[in-house]
Amino acid sequence: MMSNFVINRFTTRYAPKIDRMVIMAEGPQGEGMIVRVHPDLMRQMVEKLCAWVEQTAAPVAAVKAKAVTSQQRQAYNDMAQSEARVQKAEQPVEPVRPQLFSKHTEPTALTMTIKGNTLVVYFKDSDLTTVLQIQKRAVRQWLDILYRHWQSSQWSQEVWPGWIVQAEKSVAH
């Protein structure tokens, strides 16, 4: 019988010794979970996360009118990514501490669904589904964090769209 672990808050790090992205998560009652995500699953997830925020960056009216050029979409994403980065810096959050954890999982699959402005990620292993619900603005902030940690790995950089790479370059200068 499969059980669920619902993530209330989380911190993400790259763990070079195991070559995994590690999500240190806390449930609603403060219970802990460590989710060790394989590079292939991370690549799938990043592609889907980027596609979702990219498609929803332009104003809805412009998209419905099919009046958005690729350059405009790029500009909307650049602006939205910069805004998310500024908001993250203005509202620092206490990281989830690893000593709280009693469980761990190494998911073998993931799926995503969209519920309004919320993306729901389901990390699945043989007997546990770890559920992460995340708002669009937080997805952009998380992508920023993931990109920075991704740079520490030896993983292919091809998954990252130009608007993420460009946002990071503008901060570096």
C-alpha atoms as a PDB file:
ATOM      1  CA  MET A   1       0.000   0.000   0.000  1.00  0.00           C
ATOM      2  CA  MET A   2       1.442   3.333  -1.076  1.00  0.00           C
ATOM      3  CA  SER A   3       1.551   6.183   1.442  1.00  0.00           C
ATOM      4  CA  ASN A   4       1.981   9.926   0.931  1.00  0.00           C
ATOM      5  CA  PHE A   5       4.319  12.424   2.525  1.00  0.00           C
ATOM      6  CA  VAL A   6       3.162  16.011   1.960  1.00  0.00           C
ATOM      7  CA  ILE A   7       5.914  18.613   1.997  1.00  0.00           C
ATOM      8  CA  ASN A   8       5.130  21.733   4.003  1.00  0.00           C
ATOM      9  CA  ARG A   9       8.497  23.459   3.464  1.00  0.00           C
ATOM     10  CA  PHE A  10      11.854  22.403   2.028  1.00  0.00           C
ATOM     11  CA  THR A  11      15.489  23.222   1.297  1.00  0.00           C
ATOM     12  CA  THR A  12      17.360  21.959  -1.741  1.00  0.00           C
ATOM     13  CA  ARG A  13      21.091  21.155  -1.969  1.00  0.00           C
ATOM     14  CA  TYR A  14      23.401  19.294  -4.328  1.00  0.00           C
ATOM     15  CA  ALA A  15      25.195  16.356  -2.658  1.00  0.00           C
ATOM     16  CA  PRO A  16      28.392  15.665  -4.641  1.00  0.00           C
ATOM     17  CA  LYS A  17      29.277  12.465  -2.752  1.00  0.00           C
ATOM     18  CA  ILE A  18      26.099  10.770  -3.994  1.00  0.00           C
ATOM     19  CA  ASP A  19      25.666  12.929  -7.139  1.00  0.00           C
ATOM     20  CA  ARG A  20      22.056  13.740  -6.291  1.00  0.00           C
ATOM     21  CA  MET A  21      19.966  16.813  -5.686  1.00  0.00           C
ATOM     22  CA  VAL A  22      18.708  16.470  -2.116  1.00  0.00           C
ATOM     23  CA  ILE A  23      15.442  17.977  -0.928  1.00  0.00           C
ATOM     24  CA  MET A  24      15.325  18.258   2.853  1.00  0.00           C
ATOM     25  CA  ALA A  25      11.629  18.485   3.603  1.00  0.00           C
ATOM     26  CA  GLU A  26       9.364  19.044   6.547  1.00  0.00           C
ATOM     27  CA  GLY A  27       5.787  17.815   6.771  1.00  0.00           C
ATOM     28  CA  PRO A  28       2.846  19.660   8.361  1.00  0.00           C
ATOM     29  CA  GLN A  29       3.604  18.265  11.853  1.00  0.00           C
ATOM     30  CA  GLY A  30       7.357  18.945  11.570  1.00  0.00           C
ATOM     31  CA  GLU A  31       8.212  15.389  10.544  1.00  0.00           C
ATOM     32  CA  GLY A  32      11.249  15.141   8.292  1.00  0.00           C
ATOM     33  CA  MET A  33      12.013  13.584   4.934  1.00  0.00           C
ATOM     34  CA  ILE A  34      15.087  13.523   2.728  1.00  0.00           C
ATOM     35  CA  VAL A  35      14.341  13.134  -0.982  1.00  0.00           C
ATOM     36  CA  ARG A  36      17.416  12.160  -3.029  1.00  0.00           C
ATOM     37  CA  VAL A  37      16.674  12.875  -6.679  1.00  0.00           C
ATOM     38  CA  HIS A  38      18.649  11.212  -9.495  1.00  0.00           C
ATOM     39  CA  PRO A  39      20.022  13.523 -12.230  1.00  0.00           C
ATOM     40  CA  ASP A  40      17.699  12.016 -14.875  1.00  0.00           C
ATOM     41  CA  LEU A  41      14.600  12.769 -12.767  1.00  0.00           C
ATOM     42  CA  MET A  42      15.929  16.246 -12.012  1.00  0.00           C
ATOM     43  CA  ARG A  43      16.388  16.880 -15.730  1.00  0.00           C
ATOM     44  CA  GLN A  44      12.801  15.789 -16.414  1.00  0.00           C
ATOM     45  CA  MET A  45      11.507  17.967 -13.617  1.00  0.00           C
ATOM     46  CA  VAL A  46      13.512  21.053 -14.608  1.00  0.00           C
ATOM     47  CA  GLU A  47      12.319  20.755 -18.215  1.00  0.00           C
ATOM     48  CA  LYS A  48       8.697  20.609 -17.055  1.00  0.00           C
ATOM     49  CA  LEU A  49       9.079  23.402 -14.508  1.00  0.00           C
ATOM     50  CA  CYS A  50      10.738  25.682 -17.064  1.00  0.00           C
ATOM     51  CA  ALA A  51       8.132  24.900 -19.719  1.00  0.00           C
ATOM     52  CA  TRP A  52       5.288  25.702 -17.320  1.00  0.00           C
ATOM     53  CA  VAL A  53       6.633  29.052 -16.131  1.00  0.00           C
ATOM     54  CA  GLU A  54       7.733  29.949 -19.653  1.00  0.00           C
ATOM     55  CA  GLN A  55       4.279  29.309 -21.101  1.00  0.00           C
ATOM     56  CA  THR A  56       2.563  31.303 -18.388  1.00  0.00           C
ATOM     57  CA  ALA A  57       4.930  34.305 -18.295  1.00  0.00           C
ATOM     58  CA  ALA A  58       3.230  36.460 -20.924  1.00  0.00           C
ATOM     59  CA  PRO A  59       0.004  38.308 -20.091  1.00  0.00           C
ATOM     60  CA  VAL A  60      -2.978  36.036 -20.683  1.00  0.00           C
ATOM     61  CA  ALA A  61      -4.666  38.432 -23.126  1.00  0.00           C
ATOM     62  CA  ALA A  62      -1.578  38.566 -25.331  1.00  0.00           C
ATOM     63  CA  VAL A  63      -1.232  34.788 -25.352  1.00  0.00           C
ATOM     64  CA  LYS A  64      -4.923  34.304 -26.232  1.00  0.00           C
ATOM     65  CA  ALA A  65      -4.525  36.774 -29.091  1.00  0.00           C
ATOM     66  CA  LYS A  66      -1.390  34.872 -30.178  1.00  0.00           C
ATOM     67  CA  ALA A  67       0.336  38.240 -30.227  1.00  0.00           C
ATOM     68  CA  VAL A  68       3.468  37.194 -28.329  1.00  0.00           C
ATOM     69  CA  THR A  69       6.694  36.828 -30.281  1.00  0.00           C
ATOM     70  CA  SER A  70       9.521  34.619 -29.039  1.00  0.00           C
ATOM     71  CA  GLN A  71      11.516  37.759 -28.183  1.00  0.00           C
ATOM     72  CA  GLN A  72       8.604  39.103 -26.120  1.00  0.00           C
ATOM     73  CA  ARG A  73       8.210  35.766 -24.347  1.00  0.00           C
ATOM     74  CA  GLN A  74      11.962  35.836 -23.596  1.00  0.00           C
ATOM     75  CA  ALA A  75      11.619  39.381 -22.189  1.00  0.00           C
ATOM     76  CA  TYR A  76       8.614  38.405 -20.042  1.00  0.00           C
ATOM     77  CA  ASN A  77      10.558  35.463 -18.645  1.00  0.00           C
ATOM     78  CA  ASP A  78      13.659  37.586 -18.009  1.00  0.00           C
ATOM     79  CA  MET A  79      11.565  40.109 -16.064  1.00  0.00           C
ATOM     80  CA  ALA A  80       9.608  37.486 -14.138  1.00  0.00           C
ATOM     81  CA  GLN A  81      12.796  35.625 -13.193  1.00  0.00           C
ATOM     82  CA  SER A  82      14.456  38.844 -12.002  1.00  0.00           C
ATOM     83  CA  GLU A  83      11.363  39.742  -9.961  1.00  0.00           C
ATOM     84  CA  ALA A  84      11.320  36.296  -8.335  1.00  0.00           C
ATOM     85  CA  ARG A  85      15.002  36.603  -7.457  1.00  0.00           C
ATOM     86  CA  VAL A  86      14.469  40.029  -5.842  1.00  0.00           C
ATOM     87  CA  GLN A  87      11.474  38.783  -3.837  1.00  0.00           C
ATOM     88  CA  LYS A  88      13.454  35.777  -2.629  1.00  0.00           C
ATOM     89  CA  ALA A  89      16.246  38.082  -1.427  1.00  0.00           C
ATOM     90  CA  GLU A  90      13.766  40.389   0.325  1.00  0.00           C
ATOM     91  CA  GLN A  91      12.023  37.526   2.140  1.00  0.00           C
ATOM     92  CA  PRO A  92      14.692  35.148   3.449  1.00  0.00           C
ATOM     93  CA  VAL A  93      13.408  31.857   4.815  1.00  0.00           C
ATOM     94  CA  GLU A  94      14.990  29.726   7.510  1.00  0.00           C
ATOM     95  CA  PRO A  95      16.365  26.572   5.822  1.00  0.00           C
ATOM     96  CA  VAL A  96      15.071  23.147   6.777  1.00  0.00           C
ATOM     97  CA  ARG A  97      17.673  21.533   9.025  1.00  0.00           C
ATOM     98  CA  PRO A  98      18.879  18.024   8.090  1.00  0.00           C
ATOM     99  CA  GLN A  99      19.009  16.708  11.673  1.00  0.00           C
ATOM    100  CA  LEU A 100      15.191  16.687  11.761  1.00  0.00           C
ATOM    101  CA  PHE A 101      14.889  13.796   9.339  1.00  0.00           C
ATOM    102  CA  SER A 102      13.822  10.306  10.155  1.00  0.00           C
ATOM    103  CA  LYS A 103      12.815   9.077   6.671  1.00  0.00           C
ATOM    104  CA  HIS A 104      14.374   9.153   3.239  1.00  0.00           C
ATOM    105  CA  THR A 105      13.347   8.262  -0.263  1.00  0.00           C
ATOM    106  CA  GLU A 106      14.979   7.923  -3.667  1.00  0.00           C
ATOM    107  CA  PRO A 107      12.135   8.382  -6.128  1.00  0.00           C
ATOM    108  CA  THR A 108      12.167   6.420  -9.360  1.00  0.00           C
ATOM    109  CA  ALA A 109       9.454   8.458 -11.104  1.00  0.00           C
ATOM    110  CA  LEU A 110       7.762  11.816 -10.961  1.00  0.00           C
ATOM    111  CA  THR A 111       4.587  13.337 -12.289  1.00  0.00           C
ATOM    112  CA  MET A 112       3.239  16.859 -12.216  1.00  0.00           C
ATOM    113  CA  THR A 113      -0.191  18.394 -12.315  1.00  0.00           C
ATOM    114  CA  ILE A 114      -1.334  21.999 -12.477  1.00  0.00           C
ATOM    115  CA  LYS A 115      -4.064  23.347 -10.212  1.00  0.00           C
ATOM    116  CA  GLY A 116      -4.577  27.024 -11.068  1.00  0.00           C
ATOM    117  CA  ASN A 117      -1.375  28.875 -10.128  1.00  0.00           C
ATOM    118  CA  THR A 118      -0.043  25.873  -8.221  1.00  0.00           C
ATOM    119  CA  LEU A 119       2.142  23.118  -9.566  1.00  0.00           C
ATOM    120  CA  VAL A 120       1.987  19.781  -7.761  1.00  0.00           C
ATOM    121  CA  VAL A 121       5.028  17.501  -8.059  1.00  0.00           C
ATOM    122  CA  TYR A 122       4.691  13.840  -7.077  1.00  0.00           C
ATOM    123  CA  PHE A 123       7.990  12.075  -6.364  1.00  0.00           C
ATOM    124  CA  LYS A 124       7.275   8.332  -6.401  1.00  0.00           C
ATOM    125  CA  ASP A 125       9.162   5.284  -5.211  1.00  0.00           C
ATOM    126  CA  SER A 126       7.840   1.760  -4.699  1.00  0.00           C
ATOM    127  CA  ASP A 127       5.856   2.480  -1.522  1.00  0.00           C
ATOM    128  CA  LEU A 128       5.891   6.249  -0.966  1.00  0.00           C
ATOM    129  CA  THR A 129       4.747   9.325  -2.877  1.00  0.00           C
ATOM    130  CA  THR A 130       6.242  12.601  -1.717  1.00  0.00           C
ATOM    131  CA  VAL A 131       3.983  15.504  -2.677  1.00  0.00           C
ATOM    132  CA  LEU A 132       5.237  19.055  -3.234  1.00  0.00           C
ATOM    133  CA  GLN A 133       2.749  21.851  -3.956  1.00  0.00           C
ATOM    134  CA  ILE A 134       4.403  25.047  -5.124  1.00  0.00           C
ATOM    135  CA  GLN A 135       3.089  28.410  -6.376  1.00  0.00           C
ATOM    136  CA  LYS A 136       4.349  29.799  -9.694  1.00  0.00           C
ATOM    137  CA  ARG A 137       6.452  32.569  -8.100  1.00  0.00           C
ATOM    138  CA  ALA A 138       8.053  30.014  -5.774  1.00  0.00           C
ATOM    139  CA  VAL A 139       8.728  27.746  -8.781  1.00  0.00           C
ATOM    140  CA  ARG A 140      10.763  30.567 -10.347  1.00  0.00           C
ATOM    141  CA  GLN A 141      12.665  31.042  -7.079  1.00  0.00           C
ATOM    142  CA  TRP A 142      13.265  27.297  -6.834  1.00  0.00           C
ATOM    143  CA  LEU A 143      14.518  27.185 -10.440  1.00  0.00           C
ATOM    144  CA  ASP A 144      17.020  29.880  -9.506  1.00  0.00           C
ATOM    145  CA  ILE A 145      18.211  27.780  -6.557  1.00  0.00           C
ATOM    146  CA  LEU A 146      18.316  24.583  -8.626  1.00  0.00           C
ATOM    147  CA  TYR A 147      20.333  26.303 -11.354  1.00  0.00           C
ATOM    148  CA  ARG A 148      22.929  27.479  -8.853  1.00  0.00           C
ATOM    149  CA  HIS A 149      23.269  23.992  -7.354  1.00  0.00           C
ATOM    150  CA  TRP A 150      23.281  22.437 -10.836  1.00  0.00           C
ATOM    151  CA  GLN A 151      26.434  24.443 -11.568  1.00  0.00           C
ATOM    152  CA  SER A 152      28.213  22.452  -8.818  1.00  0.00           C
ATOM    153  CA  SER A 153      27.419  19.153 -10.514  1.00  0.00           C
ATOM    154  CA  GLN A 154      28.892  17.683 -13.668  1.00  0.00           C
ATOM    155  CA  TRP A 155      25.423  17.390 -15.198  1.00  0.00           C
ATOM    156  CA  SER A 156      24.614  18.645 -18.680  1.00  0.00           C
ATOM    157  CA  GLN A 157      23.657  22.316 -18.754  1.00  0.00           C
ATOM    158  CA  GLU A 158      21.526  21.922 -21.899  1.00  0.00           C
ATOM    159  CA  VAL A 159      18.294  21.647 -19.905  1.00  0.00           C
ATOM    160  CA  TRP A 160      18.433  25.307 -18.824  1.00  0.00           C
ATOM    161  CA  PRO A 161      16.671  27.931 -20.969  1.00  0.00           C
ATOM    162  CA  GLY A 162      18.413  31.193 -21.820  1.00  0.00           C
ATOM    163  CA  TRP A 163      16.292  33.282 -19.447  1.00  0.00           C
ATOM    164  CA  ILE A 164      17.620  31.339 -16.437  1.00  0.00           C
ATOM    165  CA  VAL A 165      21.228  31.406 -17.651  1.00  0.00           C
ATOM    166  CA  GLN A 166      20.968  35.111 -18.456  1.00  0.00           C
ATOM    167  CA  ALA A 167      19.466  35.925 -15.049  1.00  0.00           C
ATOM    168  CA  GLU A 168      22.404  34.214 -13.349  1.00  0.00           C
ATOM    169  CA  LYS A 169      24.954  35.999 -15.557  1.00  0.00           C
ATOM    170  CA  SER A 170      23.425  39.386 -14.768  1.00  0.00           C
ATOM    171  CA  VAL A 171      23.811  38.707 -11.031  1.00  0.00           C
ATOM    172  CA  ALA A 172      27.423  37.562 -11.449  1.00  0.00           C
ATOM    173  CA  HIS A 173      28.395  40.941 -12.953  1.00  0.00           C
END
